[in-house]
Amino acid sequence: GGRPVPSITAGRTDAGVHAGGQVIQLDFPSGFD
């Protein structure tokens, strides 16, 4: 609904580096269902 969703990554990748199994934490606002 347009509210901010901050993220935390398992590992930062540099410019040009790819991912096939990157894991990210997304903290949705309370009430997100």
All heavy atoms as atom14 arrays in JSON, in Angstrom:
{
  "sequence": "GGRPVPSITAGRTDAGVHAGGQVIQLDFPSGFD",
  "atom14_mask": [
    [1, 1, 1, 1, 0, 0, 0, 0, 0, 0, 0, 0, 0, 0],
    [1, 1, 1, 1, 0, 0, 0, 0, 0, 0, 0, 0, 0, 0],
    [1, 1, 1, 1, 1, 1, 1, 1, 1, 1, 1, 0, 0, 0],
    [1, 1, 1, 1, 1, 1, 1, 0, 0, 0, 0, 0, 0, 0],
    [1, 1, 1, 1, 1, 1, 1, 0, 0, 0, 0, 0, 0, 0],
    [1, 1, 1, 1, 1, 1, 1, 0, 0, 0, 0, 0, 0, 0],
    [1, 1, 1, 1, 1, 1, 0, 0, 0, 0, 0, 0, 0, 0],
    [1, 1, 1, 1, 1, 1, 1, 1, 0, 0, 0, 0, 0, 0],
    [1, 1, 1, 1, 1, 1, 1, 0, 0, 0, 0, 0, 0, 0],
    [1, 1, 1, 1, 1, 0, 0, 0, 0, 0, 0, 0, 0, 0],
    [1, 1, 1, 1, 0, 0, 0, 0, 0, 0, 0, 0, 0, 0],
    [1, 1, 1, 1, 1, 1, 1, 1, 1, 1, 1, 0, 0, 0],
    [1, 1, 1, 1, 1, 1, 1, 0, 0, 0, 0, 0, 0, 0],
    [1, 1, 1, 1, 1, 1, 1, 1, 0, 0, 0, 0, 0, 0],
    [1, 1, 1, 1, 1, 0, 0, 0, 0, 0, 0, 0, 0, 0],
    [1, 1, 1, 1, 0, 0, 0, 0, 0, 0, 0, 0, 0, 0],
    [1, 1, 1, 1, 1, 1, 1, 0, 0, 0, 0, 0, 0, 0],
    [1, 1, 1, 1, 1, 1, 1, 1, 1, 1, 0, 0, 0, 0],
    [1, 1, 1, 1, 1, 0, 0, 0, 0, 0, 0, 0, 0, 0],
    [1, 1, 1, 1, 0, 0, 0, 0, 0, 0, 0, 0, 0, 0],
    [1, 1, 1, 1, 0, 0, 0, 0, 0, 0, 0, 0, 0, 0],
    [1, 1, 1, 1, 1, 1, 1, 1, 1, 0, 0, 0, 0, 0],
    [1, 1, 1, 1, 1, 1, 1, 0, 0, 0, 0, 0, 0, 0],
    [1, 1, 1, 1, 1, 1, 1, 1, 0, 0, 0, 0, 0, 0],
    [1, 1, 1, 1, 1, 1, 1, 1, 1, 0, 0, 0, 0, 0],
    [1, 1, 1, 1, 1, 1, 1, 1, 0, 0, 0, 0, 0, 0],
    [1, 1, 1, 1, 1, 1, 1, 1, 0, 0, 0, 0, 0, 0],
    [1, 1, 1, 1, 1, 1, 1, 1, 1, 1, 1, 0, 0, 0],
    [1, 1, 1, 1, 1, 1, 1, 0, 0, 0, 0, 0, 0, 0],
    [1, 1, 1, 1, 1, 1, 0, 0, 0, 0, 0, 0, 0, 0],
    [1, 1, 1, 1, 0, 0, 0, 0, 0, 0, 0, 0, 0, 0],
    [1, 1, 1, 1, 1, 1, 1, 1, 1, 1, 1, 0, 0, 0],
    [1, 1, 1, 1, 1, 1, 1, 1, 0, 0, 0, 0, 0, 0]
  ],
  "atom14_positions": [
    [[0.79, -1.22, 0.0], [0.0, 0.0, 0.0], [0.82, 1.27, 0.0], [0.36, 2.32, 0.46], [0.0, 0.0, 0.0], [0.0, 0.0, 0.0], [0.0, 0.0, 0.0], [0.0, 0.0, 0.0], [0.0, 0.0, 0.0], [0.0, 0.0, 0.0], [0.0, 0.0, 0.0], [0.0, 0.0, 0.0], [0.0, 0.0, 0.0], [0.0, 0.0, 0.0]],
    [[2.06, 1.2, -0.5], [2.89, 2.38, -0.58], [3.71, 2.65, 0.67], [4.5, 3.6, 0.7], [0.0, 0.0, 0.0], [0.0, 0.0, 0.0], [0.0, 0.0, 0.0], [0.0, 0.0, 0.0], [0.0, 0.0, 0.0], [0.0, 0.0, 0.0], [0.0, 0.0, 0.0], [0.0, 0.0, 0.0], [0.0, 0.0, 0.0], [0.0, 0.0, 0.0]],
    [[3.56, 1.83, 1.69], [4.34, 2.01, 2.92], [5.75, 1.47, 2.73], [5.96, 0.51, 1.98], [3.64, 1.32, 4.09], [2.31, 1.98, 4.48], [1.57, 1.18, 5.54], [1.08, -0.1, 5.02], [0.48, -1.01, 5.77], [0.29, -0.79, 7.07], [0.06, -2.14, 5.23], [0.0, 0.0, 0.0], [0.0, 0.0, 0.0], [0.0, 0.0, 0.0]],
    [[6.75, 2.05, 3.42], [8.13, 1.59, 3.24], [8.32, 0.14, 3.7], [7.7, -0.3, 4.67], [8.94, 2.55, 4.13], [8.05, 3.71, 4.37], [6.64, 3.2, 4.33], [0.0, 0.0, 0.0], [0.0, 0.0, 0.0], [0.0, 0.0, 0.0], [0.0, 0.0, 0.0], [0.0, 0.0, 0.0], [0.0, 0.0, 0.0], [0.0, 0.0, 0.0]],
    [[9.17, -0.58, 2.98], [9.51, -1.96, 3.34], [11.04, -2.07, 3.32], [11.64, -2.3, 2.27], [8.88, -2.98, 2.37], [9.24, -4.4, 2.81], [7.37, -2.8, 2.29], [0.0, 0.0, 0.0], [0.0, 0.0, 0.0], [0.0, 0.0, 0.0], [0.0, 0.0, 0.0], [0.0, 0.0, 0.0], [0.0, 0.0, 0.0], [0.0, 0.0, 0.0]],
    [[11.69, -1.9, 4.47], [13.16, -2.03, 4.51], [13.6, -3.47, 4.32], [12.84, -4.41, 4.58], [13.52, -1.51, 5.9], [12.29, -1.69, 6.72], [11.13, -1.54, 5.78], [0.0, 0.0, 0.0], [0.0, 0.0, 0.0], [0.0, 0.0, 0.0], [0.0, 0.0, 0.0], [0.0, 0.0, 0.0], [0.0, 0.0, 0.0], [0.0, 0.0, 0.0]],
    [[14.84, -3.64, 3.88], [15.35, -4.98, 3.59], [16.72, -5.2, 4.23], [17.45, -4.25, 4.5], [15.45, -5.2, 2.08], [16.42, -4.34, 1.52], [0.0, 0.0, 0.0], [0.0, 0.0, 0.0], [0.0, 0.0, 0.0], [0.0, 0.0, 0.0], [0.0, 0.0, 0.0], [0.0, 0.0, 0.0], [0.0, 0.0, 0.0], [0.0, 0.0, 0.0]],
    [[17.03, -6.46, 4.47], [18.35, -6.89, 4.92], [18.76, -8.05, 4.02], [17.97, -8.96, 3.77], [18.33, -7.36, 6.39], [17.96, -6.21, 7.32], [19.69, -7.95, 6.8], [17.73, -6.63, 8.76], [0.0, 0.0, 0.0], [0.0, 0.0, 0.0], [0.0, 0.0, 0.0], [0.0, 0.0, 0.0], [0.0, 0.0, 0.0], [0.0, 0.0, 0.0]],
    [[20.0, -8.02, 3.53], [20.47, -9.06, 2.62], [21.39, -10.05, 3.33], [22.1, -9.69, 4.27], [21.22, -8.45, 1.42], [21.68, -9.49, 0.56], [22.42, -7.64, 1.87], [0.0, 0.0, 0.0], [0.0, 0.0, 0.0], [0.0, 0.0, 0.0], [0.0, 0.0, 0.0], [0.0, 0.0, 0.0], [0.0, 0.0, 0.0], [0.0, 0.0, 0.0]],
    [[21.41, -11.28, 2.84], [22.34, -12.28, 3.37], [23.76, -11.95, 2.98], [24.7, -12.29, 3.7], [21.96, -13.67, 2.85], [0.0, 0.0, 0.0], [0.0, 0.0, 0.0], [0.0, 0.0, 0.0], [0.0, 0.0, 0.0], [0.0, 0.0, 0.0], [0.0, 0.0, 0.0], [0.0, 0.0, 0.0], [0.0, 0.0, 0.0], [0.0, 0.0, 0.0]],
    [[23.94, -11.29, 1.85], [25.28, -10.93, 1.39], [25.22, -9.91, 0.28], [24.53, -10.13, -0.72], [0.0, 0.0, 0.0], [0.0, 0.0, 0.0], [0.0, 0.0, 0.0], [0.0, 0.0, 0.0], [0.0, 0.0, 0.0], [0.0, 0.0, 0.0], [0.0, 0.0, 0.0], [0.0, 0.0, 0.0], [0.0, 0.0, 0.0], [0.0, 0.0, 0.0]],
    [[25.91, -8.81, 0.44], [25.92, -7.77, -0.59], [26.69, -8.26, -1.82], [27.74, -8.88, -1.69], [26.57, -6.49, -0.07], [25.84, -5.84, 1.09], [26.64, -4.66, 1.61], [26.02, -4.07, 2.79], [26.57, -3.09, 3.5], [27.75, -2.6, 3.13], [25.95, -2.62, 4.57], [0.0, 0.0, 0.0], [0.0, 0.0, 0.0], [0.0, 0.0, 0.0]],
    [[26.17, -7.97, -2.98], [26.88, -8.28, -4.22], [27.28, -6.97, -4.9], [26.56, -5.98, -4.85], [26.01, -9.11, -5.18], [24.73, -8.47, -5.36], [25.78, -10.52, -4.63], [0.0, 0.0, 0.0], [0.0, 0.0, 0.0], [0.0, 0.0, 0.0], [0.0, 0.0, 0.0], [0.0, 0.0, 0.0], [0.0, 0.0, 0.0], [0.0, 0.0, 0.0]],
    [[28.45, -6.99, -5.53], [28.98, -5.8, -6.2], [28.32, -5.59, -7.55], [27.61, -6.47, -8.06], [30.49, -5.94, -6.4], [31.26, -5.9, -5.1], [30.81, -5.22, -4.16], [32.32, -6.55, -5.03], [0.0, 0.0, 0.0], [0.0, 0.0, 0.0], [0.0, 0.0, 0.0], [0.0, 0.0, 0.0], [0.0, 0.0, 0.0], [0.0, 0.0, 0.0]],
    [[28.61, -4.46, -8.15], [28.13, -4.16, -9.49], [28.58, -5.26, -10.45], [29.74, -5.66, -10.45], [28.67, -2.81, -9.96], [0.0, 0.0, 0.0], [0.0, 0.0, 0.0], [0.0, 0.0, 0.0], [0.0, 0.0, 0.0], [0.0, 0.0, 0.0], [0.0, 0.0, 0.0], [0.0, 0.0, 0.0], [0.0, 0.0, 0.0], [0.0, 0.0, 0.0]],
    [[27.63, -5.76, -11.25], [27.95, -6.77, -12.25], [27.91, -8.19, -11.75], [28.0, -9.14, -12.55], [0.0, 0.0, 0.0], [0.0, 0.0, 0.0], [0.0, 0.0, 0.0], [0.0, 0.0, 0.0], [0.0, 0.0, 0.0], [0.0, 0.0, 0.0], [0.0, 0.0, 0.0], [0.0, 0.0, 0.0], [0.0, 0.0, 0.0], [0.0, 0.0, 0.0]],
    [[27.77, -8.41, -10.43], [27.72, -9.76, -9.87], [26.26, -10.23, -9.85], [25.34, -9.46, -9.57], [28.32, -9.78, -8.45], [28.15, -11.16, -7.81], [29.79, -9.38, -8.49], [0.0, 0.0, 0.0], [0.0, 0.0, 0.0], [0.0, 0.0, 0.0], [0.0, 0.0, 0.0], [0.0, 0.0, 0.0], [0.0, 0.0, 0.0], [0.0, 0.0, 0.0]],
    [[26.07, -11.51, -10.12], [24.73, -12.07, -10.28], [24.32, -12.9, -9.05], [25.11, -13.08, -8.12], [24.7, -12.96, -11.53], [25.37, -12.34, -12.71], [24.9, -11.18, -13.31], [26.5, -12.68, -13.39], [25.7, -10.86, -14.32], [26.68, -11.75, -14.38], [0.0, 0.0, 0.0], [0.0, 0.0, 0.0], [0.0, 0.0, 0.0], [0.0, 0.0, 0.0]],
    [[23.09, -13.39, -9.07], [22.62, -14.25, -7.98], [21.63, -15.27, -8.52], [20.81, -14.96, -9.38], [21.96, -13.43, -6.88], [0.0, 0.0, 0.0], [0.0, 0.0, 0.0], [0.0, 0.0, 0.0], [0.0, 0.0, 0.0], [0.0, 0.0, 0.0], [0.0, 0.0, 0.0], [0.0, 0.0, 0.0], [0.0, 0.0, 0.0], [0.0, 0.0, 0.0]],
    [[21.75, -16.48, -7.98], [20.77, -17.52, -8.28], [20.09, -18.01, -7.03], [19.18, -18.83, -7.09], [0.0, 0.0, 0.0], [0.0, 0.0, 0.0], [0.0, 0.0, 0.0], [0.0, 0.0, 0.0], [0.0, 0.0, 0.0], [0.0, 0.0, 0.0], [0.0, 0.0, 0.0], [0.0, 0.0, 0.0], [0.0, 0.0, 0.0], [0.0, 0.0, 0.0]],
    [[20.54, -17.5, -5.87], [19.96, -17.93, -4.6], [20.22, -16.93, -3.49], [20.48, -17.3, -2.35], [0.0, 0.0, 0.0], [0.0, 0.0, 0.0], [0.0, 0.0, 0.0], [0.0, 0.0, 0.0], [0.0, 0.0, 0.0], [0.0, 0.0, 0.0], [0.0, 0.0, 0.0], [0.0, 0.0, 0.0], [0.0, 0.0, 0.0], [0.0, 0.0, 0.0]],
    [[20.13, -15.64, -3.82], [20.28, -14.59, -2.81], [19.07, -14.62, -1.87], [17.93, -14.82, -2.32], [20.38, -13.23, -3.5], [20.36, -12.02, -2.61], [21.61, -11.84, -1.79], [21.78, -12.53, -0.8], [22.48, -10.92, -2.21], [0.0, 0.0, 0.0], [0.0, 0.0, 0.0], [0.0, 0.0, 0.0], [0.0, 0.0, 0.0], [0.0, 0.0, 0.0]],
    [[19.29, -14.4, -0.59], [18.2, -14.39, 0.39], [18.09, -13.01, 1.01], [19.09, -12.43, 1.44], [18.4, -15.46, 1.48], [17.29, -15.4, 2.52], [18.44, -16.86, 0.85], [0.0, 0.0, 0.0], [0.0, 0.0, 0.0], [0.0, 0.0, 0.0], [0.0, 0.0, 0.0], [0.0, 0.0, 0.0], [0.0, 0.0, 0.0], [0.0, 0.0, 0.0]],
    [[16.87, -12.52, 1.06], [16.59, -11.17, 1.54], [15.51, -11.23, 2.62], [14.55, -11.99, 2.53], [16.09, -10.27, 0.39], [17.05, -10.32, -0.8], [15.87, -8.84, 0.87], [18.44, -9.81, -0.52], [0.0, 0.0, 0.0], [0.0, 0.0, 0.0], [0.0, 0.0, 0.0], [0.0, 0.0, 0.0], [0.0, 0.0, 0.0], [0.0, 0.0, 0.0]],
    [[15.67, -10.39, 3.62], [14.65, -10.19, 4.65], [13.88, -8.91, 4.31], [14.48, -7.85, 4.13], [15.34, -10.05, 6.01], [14.42, -9.67, 7.15], [15.2, -9.53, 8.45], [16.27, -10.12, 8.62], [14.67, -8.75, 9.37], [0.0, 0.0, 0.0], [0.0, 0.0, 0.0], [0.0, 0.0, 0.0], [0.0, 0.0, 0.0], [0.0, 0.0, 0.0]],
    [[12.58, -9.02, 4.24], [11.71, -7.86, 4.0], [10.84, -7.65, 5.24], [10.11, -8.57, 5.64], [10.82, -8.08, 2.78], [11.52, -8.13, 1.42], [10.53, -8.51, 0.32], [12.17, -6.79, 1.09], [0.0, 0.0, 0.0], [0.0, 0.0, 0.0], [0.0, 0.0, 0.0], [0.0, 0.0, 0.0], [0.0, 0.0, 0.0], [0.0, 0.0, 0.0]],
    [[10.92, -6.48, 5.82], [10.13, -6.16, 7.01], [8.93, -5.31, 6.6], [9.02, -4.08, 6.51], [10.99, -5.44, 8.04], [12.01, -6.37, 8.69], [11.68, -7.55, 8.89], [13.13, -5.91, 8.98], [0.0, 0.0, 0.0], [0.0, 0.0, 0.0], [0.0, 0.0, 0.0], [0.0, 0.0, 0.0], [0.0, 0.0, 0.0], [0.0, 0.0, 0.0]],
    [[7.81, -6.0, 6.36], [6.58, -5.31, 5.99], [5.95, -4.66, 7.22], [6.16, -5.11, 8.35], [5.58, -6.31, 5.38], [5.94, -6.76, 4.0], [6.67, -7.92, 3.79], [5.54, -6.02, 2.89], [7.0, -8.35, 2.52], [5.86, -6.44, 1.6], [6.6, -7.6, 1.42], [0.0, 0.0, 0.0], [0.0, 0.0, 0.0], [0.0, 0.0, 0.0]],
    [[5.19, -3.59, 7.02], [4.56, -2.92, 8.16], [3.53, -3.82, 8.84], [3.01, -4.76, 8.24], [3.91, -1.69, 7.53], [3.76, -2.01, 6.08], [4.89, -2.92, 5.74], [0.0, 0.0, 0.0], [0.0, 0.0, 0.0], [0.0, 0.0, 0.0], [0.0, 0.0, 0.0], [0.0, 0.0, 0.0], [0.0, 0.0, 0.0], [0.0, 0.0, 0.0]],
    [[3.26, -3.54, 10.11], [2.29, -4.32, 10.87], [0.94, -4.31, 10.14], [0.56, -3.32, 9.5], [2.11, -3.74, 12.27], [1.62, -2.42, 12.21], [0.0, 0.0, 0.0], [0.0, 0.0, 0.0], [0.0, 0.0, 0.0], [0.0, 0.0, 0.0], [0.0, 0.0, 0.0], [0.0, 0.0, 0.0], [0.0, 0.0, 0.0], [0.0, 0.0, 0.0]],
    [[0.26, -5.43, 10.22], [-1.03, -5.55, 9.54], [-0.94, -6.09, 8.14], [-1.97, -6.38, 7.52], [0.0, 0.0, 0.0], [0.0, 0.0, 0.0], [0.0, 0.0, 0.0], [0.0, 0.0, 0.0], [0.0, 0.0, 0.0], [0.0, 0.0, 0.0], [0.0, 0.0, 0.0], [0.0, 0.0, 0.0], [0.0, 0.0, 0.0], [0.0, 0.0, 0.0]],
    [[0.28, -6.22, 7.6], [0.44, -6.77, 6.25], [-0.03, -8.22, 6.24], [0.43, -9.04, 7.05], [1.91, -6.69, 5.82], [2.18, -7.25, 4.46], [1.87, -6.52, 3.31], [2.74, -8.51, 4.31], [2.13, -7.04, 2.05], [3.0, -9.03, 3.06], [2.7, -8.29, 1.93], [0.0, 0.0, 0.0], [0.0, 0.0, 0.0], [0.0, 0.0, 0.0]],
    [[-0.93, -8.53, 5.34], [-1.56, -9.86, 5.34], [-1.64, -10.4, 3.92], [-2.56, -10.06, 3.16], [-2.95, -9.79, 5.98], [-3.6, -11.15, 6.11], [-2.88, -12.16, 6.04], [-4.85, -11.21, 6.27], [0.0, 0.0, 0.0], [0.0, 0.0, 0.0], [0.0, 0.0, 0.0], [0.0, 0.0, 0.0], [0.0, 0.0, 0.0], [0.0, 0.0, 0.0]]
  ]
}
